[in-house]
Protein backbone atom coordinates (compact mmCIF):
# COMPACT_ATOMS: atom_id res chain seq x y z
CA MET A 1 157.39 41.56 -130.88
CA LYS A 2 154.77 44.46 -131.11
CA THR A 3 153.65 43.94 -127.52
CA ILE A 4 157.39 44.40 -126.34
CA LYS A 5 157.88 47.63 -128.49
CA ARG A 6 154.69 49.12 -127.38
CA PHE A 7 155.46 48.44 -123.74
CA THR A 8 158.99 49.93 -124.40
CA SER A 9 157.48 52.94 -126.11
CA ILE A 10 154.95 53.48 -123.05
CA SER A 11 157.91 53.10 -120.71
CA PHE A 12 159.93 55.70 -122.31
CA PHE A 13 157.09 58.24 -122.64
CA PHE A 14 155.88 57.64 -118.94
CA PHE A 15 159.51 58.34 -117.71
CA PHE A 16 159.73 61.46 -120.02
CA TYR A 17 156.47 62.73 -118.60
CA ILE A 18 157.25 62.15 -114.99
CA PHE A 19 160.69 63.67 -115.20
CA SER A 20 159.99 66.55 -117.30
CA SER A 21 156.72 67.51 -115.69
CA TYR A 22 157.26 66.68 -111.88
CA GLY A 23 161.15 66.51 -111.80
CA GLN A 24 161.34 69.92 -110.17
CA GLU A 25 158.84 69.34 -107.14
CA HIS A 26 159.20 65.60 -106.81
CA GLU A 27 162.15 63.55 -105.80
CA ILE A 28 163.84 61.55 -108.78
CA LEU A 29 166.25 58.69 -107.97
CA LEU A 30 168.83 57.83 -110.66
CA ILE A 31 170.74 54.31 -110.38
CA PRO A 32 173.35 53.82 -112.99
CA GLU A 33 176.08 51.31 -113.34
CA GLN A 34 178.36 53.71 -111.88
CA VAL A 35 178.72 57.43 -111.32
CA PHE A 36 181.46 59.78 -112.47
CA ASP A 37 180.96 62.70 -110.06
CA GLY A 38 183.42 65.19 -112.01
CA LYS A 39 186.60 63.62 -110.25
CA GLU A 40 186.29 60.02 -109.69
CA ILE A 41 184.22 56.97 -110.46
CA HIS A 42 181.92 55.47 -107.96
CA ARG A 43 179.88 52.16 -108.26
CA ASP A 44 176.87 51.32 -106.47
CA TRP A 45 175.82 54.95 -106.15
CA GLY A 46 172.61 56.76 -106.68
CA VAL A 47 171.87 60.32 -107.43
CA LEU A 48 168.77 61.92 -105.90
CA ILE A 49 167.24 65.22 -107.82
CA GLN A 50 164.84 67.54 -106.58
CA HIS A 51 163.90 71.23 -107.35
CA GLY A 52 166.47 71.52 -110.04
CA LEU A 53 169.23 70.58 -107.81
CA ILE A 54 171.28 67.40 -106.81
CA LYS A 55 169.51 66.46 -103.34
CA ASP A 56 172.12 63.80 -102.51
CA ALA A 57 174.67 61.60 -104.22
CA GLY A 58 176.54 58.52 -102.81
CA PRO A 59 176.13 54.88 -101.92
CA ILE A 60 172.55 53.83 -102.42
CA SER A 61 172.52 52.39 -98.97
CA SER A 62 173.17 55.70 -97.48
CA LEU A 63 170.77 57.74 -99.31
CA GLU A 64 167.59 58.87 -97.68
CA ILE A 65 164.84 58.17 -100.10
CA SER A 66 161.22 59.01 -99.81
CA ASN A 67 158.32 56.65 -100.71
CA THR A 68 157.15 58.82 -103.47
CA ALA A 69 160.52 59.03 -105.14
CA GLN A 70 160.60 58.26 -108.97
CA ARG A 71 163.30 55.52 -109.59
CA ARG A 72 165.01 55.01 -112.86
CA ILE A 73 167.57 52.15 -113.30
CA LEU A 74 170.23 53.12 -115.97
CA SER A 75 171.68 49.57 -116.60
CA GLY A 76 175.09 49.71 -118.28
CA GLN A 77 175.55 53.43 -117.96
CA THR A 78 177.70 55.93 -116.60
CA LEU A 79 176.19 58.94 -114.96
CA MET A 80 178.25 62.10 -114.73
CA PRO A 81 177.98 65.81 -114.85
CA GLY A 82 176.78 67.57 -117.96
CA MET A 83 179.71 68.59 -120.22
CA ILE A 84 181.03 72.04 -120.44
CA GLU A 85 182.22 73.19 -123.87
CA GLY A 86 184.93 75.68 -123.66
CA HIS A 87 185.06 77.21 -127.13
CA SER A 88 182.38 77.40 -129.47
CA HIS A 89 180.77 79.59 -132.26
CA ILE A 90 177.06 79.01 -132.22
CA LEU A 91 176.67 81.25 -135.31
CA LEU A 92 179.09 79.43 -137.57
CA HIS A 93 178.80 76.22 -139.44
CA PRO A 94 181.61 74.04 -141.01
CA TYR A 95 183.66 75.77 -143.77
CA ASN A 96 183.49 72.76 -146.02
CA GLU A 97 179.54 73.59 -146.18
CA THR A 98 180.05 77.34 -146.68
CA SER A 99 183.13 79.48 -146.28
CA TRP A 100 183.70 81.72 -143.57
CA ASN A 101 183.69 84.76 -145.65
CA ASP A 102 180.33 83.82 -147.13
CA GLN A 103 178.88 83.16 -143.84
CA VAL A 104 179.72 86.76 -142.76
CA LEU A 105 178.84 88.34 -146.07
CA LYS A 106 175.99 86.47 -147.60
CA GLU A 107 173.84 84.72 -144.85
CA SER A 108 171.13 87.04 -143.30
CA TYR A 109 170.82 87.59 -139.71
CA ALA A 110 167.68 85.54 -139.70
CA GLU A 111 169.33 82.67 -141.42
CA ARG A 112 172.15 82.68 -138.89
CA ALA A 113 169.89 82.94 -135.89
CA VAL A 114 167.86 80.00 -137.05
CA ARG A 115 171.07 78.18 -137.60
CA ALA A 116 172.32 78.83 -134.13
CA ALA A 117 169.03 77.81 -132.59
CA ASN A 118 169.51 74.34 -134.35
CA HIS A 119 173.34 74.34 -133.20
CA VAL A 120 172.51 74.63 -129.41
CA THR A 121 169.95 72.01 -129.54
CA LYS A 122 172.39 69.53 -131.34
CA SER A 123 174.97 70.34 -128.71
CA LEU A 124 172.66 69.94 -125.85
CA LYS A 125 171.56 66.48 -127.17
CA ALA A 126 175.11 65.44 -127.26
CA GLY A 127 175.50 66.22 -123.52
CA ILE A 128 176.77 69.74 -123.51
CA THR A 129 174.83 71.68 -120.74
CA THR A 130 177.00 74.78 -120.40
CA MET A 131 178.83 76.28 -123.38
CA ARG A 132 181.14 79.31 -123.84
CA ASP A 133 180.82 81.02 -127.05
CA LEU A 134 183.67 83.05 -128.06
CA GLY A 135 182.57 85.52 -130.80
CA SER A 136 179.48 85.95 -133.20
CA GLU A 137 181.68 86.26 -136.06
CA GLY A 138 180.03 89.12 -138.05
CA ALA A 139 176.55 88.69 -136.35
CA GLY A 140 176.76 91.38 -133.81
CA TYR A 141 175.09 90.49 -130.44
CA LEU A 142 172.81 87.61 -131.90
CA ASP A 143 174.70 85.29 -129.49
CA VAL A 144 173.19 87.39 -126.56
CA GLY A 145 169.77 87.04 -128.02
CA ILE A 146 170.16 83.22 -128.61
CA LYS A 147 171.33 83.02 -124.77
CA GLN A 148 168.26 84.87 -123.73
CA SER A 149 165.93 82.87 -125.80
CA ILE A 150 167.47 79.59 -124.06
CA GLU A 151 166.95 81.33 -120.73
CA LYS A 152 163.15 82.23 -121.57
CA GLY A 153 162.71 78.55 -122.76
CA ILE A 154 161.88 79.68 -126.24
CA ILE A 155 164.54 77.08 -127.69
CA GLU A 156 166.41 74.31 -125.92
CA GLY A 157 170.23 74.76 -125.57
CA PRO A 158 173.08 74.74 -123.10
CA ASP A 159 173.60 77.72 -120.77
CA LEU A 160 175.59 80.08 -122.80
CA ILE A 161 178.51 82.33 -121.74
CA VAL A 162 178.80 84.80 -124.58
CA ALA A 163 181.44 87.18 -125.78
CA GLY A 164 179.53 89.21 -128.26
CA PRO A 165 181.22 90.59 -131.49
CA ALA A 166 184.87 90.45 -130.06
CA ILE A 167 187.60 92.99 -130.55
CA VAL A 168 190.18 93.28 -133.27
CA ALA A 169 192.90 95.72 -134.24
CA THR A 170 192.01 97.95 -137.22
CA GLY A 171 193.10 96.54 -140.57
CA SER A 172 193.83 93.07 -139.17
CA TYR A 173 190.59 90.84 -139.50
CA GLY A 174 188.53 89.83 -142.31
CA PRO A 175 186.60 89.49 -144.51
CA LYS A 176 189.57 90.90 -146.81
CA GLY A 177 190.46 91.30 -150.47
CA PHE A 178 188.08 93.78 -151.65
CA ALA A 179 188.88 97.11 -153.52
CA ASP A 180 189.71 100.08 -151.26
CA HIS A 181 186.49 101.98 -152.11
CA VAL A 182 184.34 98.83 -151.05
CA ARG A 183 183.35 98.49 -147.12
CA VAL A 184 182.10 95.09 -145.99
CA PRO A 185 180.93 93.92 -142.67
CA LEU A 186 183.79 92.63 -140.48
CA GLY A 187 183.91 89.44 -138.27
CA ALA A 188 184.48 91.44 -135.23
CA TYR A 189 184.62 95.19 -134.17
CA GLU A 190 187.74 97.27 -134.47
CA ALA A 191 189.20 99.54 -131.87
CA ASP A 192 192.69 100.92 -131.05
CA GLY A 193 194.15 103.03 -128.48
CA THR A 194 193.10 104.34 -125.26
CA ASP A 195 189.96 106.13 -125.94
CA ASN A 196 188.56 103.69 -128.66
CA LEU A 197 189.40 100.70 -126.69
CA ILE A 198 187.66 101.78 -123.63
CA LEU A 199 184.69 102.64 -125.55
CA GLU A 200 184.45 99.31 -127.41
CA VAL A 201 184.93 97.24 -124.32
CA ARG A 202 182.10 99.31 -122.57
CA ARG A 203 179.87 99.17 -125.57
CA GLN A 204 180.41 95.31 -125.66
CA ILE A 205 179.63 94.88 -122.01
CA GLY A 206 176.42 97.05 -122.52
CA GLY A 207 175.35 94.85 -125.37
CA GLY A 208 175.40 91.83 -123.17
CA ALA A 209 178.71 90.19 -123.43
CA ASP A 210 179.61 88.01 -120.30
CA ILE A 211 183.17 87.97 -121.19
CA ILE A 212 185.44 90.02 -123.60
CA LYS A 213 187.35 88.43 -126.38
CA VAL A 214 190.29 89.96 -128.01
CA TYR A 215 192.47 88.93 -130.80
CA ALA A 216 195.98 89.27 -129.70
CA ASP A 217 197.30 88.30 -132.88
CA TYR A 218 196.03 87.53 -136.41
CA ARG A 219 197.08 86.48 -139.92
CA TRP A 220 198.24 89.96 -141.09
CA GLY A 221 201.83 89.61 -141.39
CA PRO A 222 203.68 90.79 -144.76
CA GLU A 223 203.07 87.07 -146.10
CA GLY A 224 199.70 86.55 -144.52
CA GLU A 225 201.30 85.06 -141.45
CA ALA A 226 200.08 85.47 -137.95
CA ARG A 227 201.52 88.34 -136.25
CA PRO A 228 200.68 90.23 -132.96
CA THR A 229 198.20 93.07 -133.11
CA PHE A 230 197.72 94.98 -129.95
CA THR A 231 200.51 96.17 -127.67
CA LEU A 232 200.96 94.82 -124.24
CA GLU A 233 199.69 98.34 -123.06
CA GLU A 234 196.52 98.00 -125.13
CA LEU A 235 195.80 94.43 -123.94
CA GLU A 236 196.26 95.62 -120.25
CA LEU A 237 193.86 98.31 -120.84
CA ILE A 238 191.27 95.88 -122.11
CA VAL A 239 191.54 93.63 -119.07
CA ARG A 240 191.46 96.61 -116.53
CA VAL A 241 188.47 98.05 -118.14
CA ALA A 242 186.65 94.68 -118.44
CA ALA A 243 187.75 93.76 -114.63
CA SER A 244 185.91 97.00 -113.53
CA SER A 245 182.85 95.49 -114.63
CA GLY A 246 183.60 92.23 -113.07
CA ARG A 247 184.33 90.64 -116.38
CA LYS A 248 187.33 88.62 -117.61
CA VAL A 249 189.17 88.77 -120.92
CA VAL A 250 189.87 85.75 -123.16
CA ALA A 251 192.47 86.01 -125.93
CA HIS A 252 192.79 84.39 -129.35
CA ALA A 253 196.49 84.02 -129.68
CA ALA A 254 198.52 81.65 -131.83
CA THR A 255 201.97 83.37 -132.08
CA THR A 256 204.53 83.09 -129.21
CA GLU A 257 204.70 86.94 -128.94
CA GLY A 258 200.84 87.25 -128.98
CA MET A 259 200.60 84.77 -126.17
CA ARG A 260 203.38 86.35 -124.17
CA ARG A 261 201.54 89.76 -124.47
CA ALA A 262 198.19 88.29 -123.53
CA THR A 263 199.55 86.38 -120.69
CA LEU A 264 201.45 89.44 -119.17
CA ALA A 265 198.17 91.48 -119.70
CA GLY A 266 196.20 89.28 -117.44
CA VAL A 267 193.75 87.40 -119.71
CA TYR A 268 192.33 84.29 -118.23
CA THR A 269 192.42 81.86 -121.00
CA ILE A 270 194.37 81.85 -124.25
CA GLU A 271 192.62 80.01 -127.26
CA HIS A 272 194.49 77.85 -129.57
CA GLY A 273 198.34 78.52 -128.52
CA ASP A 274 199.85 76.89 -131.34
CA GLY A 275 203.12 78.93 -130.82
CA GLY A 276 203.43 78.01 -127.35
CA THR A 277 207.06 77.18 -126.13
CA ARG A 278 208.26 76.07 -122.90
CA GLU A 279 208.94 79.48 -121.87
CA ILE A 280 205.58 80.67 -122.71
CA PHE A 281 203.76 77.76 -121.01
CA GLU A 282 205.88 78.18 -117.81
CA LEU A 283 204.76 82.04 -117.86
CA MET A 284 201.20 80.86 -118.41
CA LYS A 285 201.50 78.49 -115.45
CA ARG A 286 202.80 81.06 -113.14
CA GLN A 287 200.44 83.86 -114.13
CA LYS A 288 197.40 81.16 -113.69
CA VAL A 289 196.39 81.61 -117.43
CA ALA A 290 194.70 78.44 -118.90
CA LEU A 291 194.99 77.06 -122.44
CA CYS A 292 192.23 76.10 -124.61
CA PRO A 293 193.98 74.19 -127.53
CA THR A 294 191.08 73.67 -129.94
CA LEU A 295 192.68 70.56 -131.39
CA ALA A 296 189.73 69.52 -133.39
CA ALA A 297 189.35 72.77 -135.34
CA GLY A 298 192.89 72.61 -136.90
CA ASP A 299 192.29 68.99 -137.56
CA ALA A 300 189.07 69.81 -139.30
CA ILE A 301 190.33 72.72 -141.44
CA MET A 302 193.48 70.60 -142.60
CA GLN A 303 190.87 67.95 -143.88
CA TYR A 304 188.88 70.76 -145.74
CA ARG A 305 192.07 71.50 -147.36
CA GLY A 306 192.51 68.21 -148.86
CA TRP A 307 194.33 66.07 -146.04
CA ARG A 308 193.00 62.49 -146.02
CA LYS A 309 193.27 61.83 -142.35
CA GLY A 310 194.40 58.26 -141.88
CA LEU A 311 195.57 57.90 -145.29
CA ASP A 312 198.06 60.90 -146.01
CA PRO A 313 201.03 61.66 -143.84
CA GLU A 314 200.24 63.99 -140.92
CA PRO A 315 200.51 67.72 -142.11
CA GLN A 316 203.43 69.56 -140.47
CA ARG A 317 200.62 71.91 -138.78
CA ILE A 318 199.11 68.91 -137.08
CA THR A 319 202.33 67.37 -135.78
CA ASN A 320 203.40 70.83 -134.33
CA LYS A 321 199.92 71.12 -132.56
CA ARG A 322 200.41 67.66 -131.18
CA GLU A 323 203.99 68.48 -129.95
CA SER A 324 202.70 71.81 -128.51
CA PHE A 325 199.83 70.23 -126.51
CA ALA A 326 202.15 67.57 -125.11
CA LEU A 327 204.33 70.32 -123.91
CA ALA A 328 201.62 72.30 -122.42
CA LEU A 329 200.75 68.92 -120.61
CA GLU A 330 204.42 68.46 -119.45
CA VAL A 331 204.85 71.74 -118.01
CA GLY A 332 201.41 71.62 -116.13
CA VAL A 333 199.48 74.42 -117.77
CA ALA A 334 195.75 74.16 -116.80
CA ILE A 335 193.87 73.03 -119.83
CA VAL A 336 190.30 74.28 -120.81
CA ALA A 337 188.59 71.71 -122.95
CA GLY A 338 187.02 73.18 -125.94
CA GLY A 339 187.12 72.27 -129.68
CA ASP A 340 186.12 75.54 -131.61
CA VAL A 341 182.90 73.78 -132.64
CA GLY A 342 181.13 75.51 -135.52
CA VAL A 343 184.34 75.25 -137.36
CA PHE A 344 183.27 71.51 -137.34
CA PRO A 345 179.69 70.31 -136.82
CA HIS A 346 177.85 71.13 -133.76
CA GLY A 347 176.91 67.97 -131.78
CA GLU A 348 180.18 66.50 -132.75
CA ASN A 349 181.70 68.32 -129.54
CA VAL A 350 183.14 64.94 -128.42
CA ARG A 351 185.84 65.30 -131.34
CA GLU A 352 187.89 67.58 -129.08
CA PHE A 353 187.97 65.10 -126.25
CA GLU A 354 188.71 62.29 -128.41
CA MET A 355 191.50 64.16 -129.76
CA MET A 356 192.85 65.26 -126.40
CA VAL A 357 193.07 61.44 -125.50
CA ASP A 358 194.99 60.96 -128.97
CA TYR A 359 197.25 63.58 -128.17
CA GLY A 360 198.31 62.36 -124.83
CA MET A 361 195.86 62.67 -121.90
CA LEU A 362 194.03 59.85 -120.36
CA PRO A 363 190.22 59.57 -120.56
CA ILE A 364 189.77 60.10 -116.92
CA GLU A 365 191.70 63.31 -117.24
CA VAL A 366 189.82 64.29 -119.92
CA LEU A 367 186.44 63.73 -118.18
CA ARG A 368 187.79 65.86 -115.23
CA ASN A 369 188.64 68.75 -117.73
CA VAL A 370 185.20 68.70 -119.36
CA THR A 371 183.44 68.86 -116.12
CA SER A 372 184.77 69.84 -112.75
CA GLY A 373 187.91 71.26 -114.48
CA ASN A 374 186.10 73.69 -116.74
CA ALA A 375 183.76 74.61 -114.18
CA THR A 376 186.53 75.94 -111.92
CA LEU A 377 188.64 77.45 -114.73
CA LEU A 378 185.66 79.29 -116.22
CA GLY A 379 184.14 80.25 -112.72
CA LEU A 380 180.94 78.35 -113.05
CA SER A 381 180.07 77.76 -109.45
CA GLY A 382 177.46 75.04 -108.83
CA LYS A 383 178.33 73.29 -111.96
CA GLY A 384 180.50 70.42 -113.03
CA GLU A 385 180.32 67.94 -110.10
CA ILE A 386 177.64 65.46 -108.87
CA LYS A 387 177.43 66.31 -105.09
CA SER A 388 174.70 67.67 -102.80
CA GLY A 389 173.67 71.25 -103.79
CA MET A 390 174.87 71.26 -107.22
CA THR A 391 172.85 72.23 -110.17
CA ALA A 392 171.08 68.99 -111.70
CA ASP A 393 172.96 69.28 -115.05
CA ILE A 394 173.36 65.45 -115.54
CA ILE A 395 173.89 62.97 -118.55
CA SER A 396 174.10 59.52 -118.75
CA VAL A 397 176.04 57.46 -121.34
CA TYR A 398 176.23 53.82 -122.31
CA GLY A 399 179.60 52.39 -121.41
CA ASP A 400 182.60 53.83 -119.46
CA PRO A 401 183.99 57.03 -120.85
CA SER A 402 186.72 57.06 -118.14
CA LEU A 403 188.13 54.00 -120.13
CA ILE A 404 186.98 54.71 -123.51
CA ILE A 405 186.38 58.37 -124.22
CA SER A 406 184.41 57.68 -127.53
CA ASP A 407 181.70 56.42 -125.10
CA LEU A 408 180.64 59.93 -124.59
CA ARG A 409 178.91 59.73 -128.09
CA ASN A 410 176.51 56.98 -126.46
CA ILE A 411 174.19 59.55 -124.82
CA HIS A 412 171.07 58.08 -123.36
CA LEU A 413 169.86 60.96 -121.14
CA VAL A 414 170.46 64.66 -120.64
CA VAL A 415 168.97 66.57 -117.76
CA LYS A 416 169.47 70.17 -117.38
CA LYS A 417 168.50 72.04 -114.01
CA GLY A 418 166.60 68.96 -113.00
CA ARG A 419 164.42 68.63 -116.19
CA ILE A 420 164.73 66.18 -118.73
CA VAL A 421 165.76 67.73 -122.17
CA HIS A 422 166.65 64.63 -124.11
CA LEU A 423 166.03 60.94 -123.61
CA ARG A 424 167.08 58.22 -126.18
CA ASP A 425 166.27 54.52 -126.04
């Protein structure tokens, strides 16, 4: 038994060494049980990797394989593109650990940066090779710094698309509840009106934001309910200023009117979308605005508030979300797969994909969403598919997630830009 374990260990580290040290120059051939190429499942396929790219993919008999190629048999596994997380907060951790207010007000920037470094590593090991981070939540431009640290190789993590601090209307965002003479840091930057909005959009662009996030509504109604924040004209201005720099705008919008204004203003994705009606979803479809439903976030928050999932009746908020998502699918709105991870634990990104199936999508459709679909909707050229010339962001999982979505939890191999970054035996 000790001999077998020793051999397995030697084999594991030999492959790790070969792949991580030589994978950029030498040809690597991966032979799984099946390949999901971002759109369809293929059996008897192999994938060739070299110089950080997918050199070729297809039936093994059709591949031109060099004599020096390093081969790896992935028995019982599905090889697929690295997953793309559409909505995350790398600087947050679950609210049942520390409330959002206390994270913003009591955790130092140093602590939050260290946590974020751990968070991105967890997501990478969970098969997420690209991640859109939608707001630093009171931590300024730390998300930009984490992105740069990954690019420099200081820490391991997915490629990041970052929004910086995000923009809110004055008086709408938190933390709140303090005496009027007390000034506390906010979870986003306030701006209003023509001059201030132009200045703040440009400031966030200068700070390193890849995209601009705006809160089109928030919980600032007379009874604490969600209500629209910015006018249509203000939202249009934000979109126009961002577009002049080649950037797009994403909108937090949970109310019907907030969604309507954001859609008409020209944002490219709406986050949450709880108040979506048939009319709104049809408008989004016409305007080519995608929905990122963040199913797992609402589910987690209700559990933090005491809902015993699987034991208690489903809360009305969850039922409404289920119905809203089903309606969006029926209308044909483009869906960005993203769970608002950070509200729930990093590394548990698959929760969102499991819930998308639970709420009405087929597993194969979810796989398309989290790979080629997200790549297309988020403008990530060279990602999301396994074919010649694409970036070699690849994962392998035990089982068949096109039939059982939870098999995405069974990660064996994570390759980023042709280099192994995680290998589990």
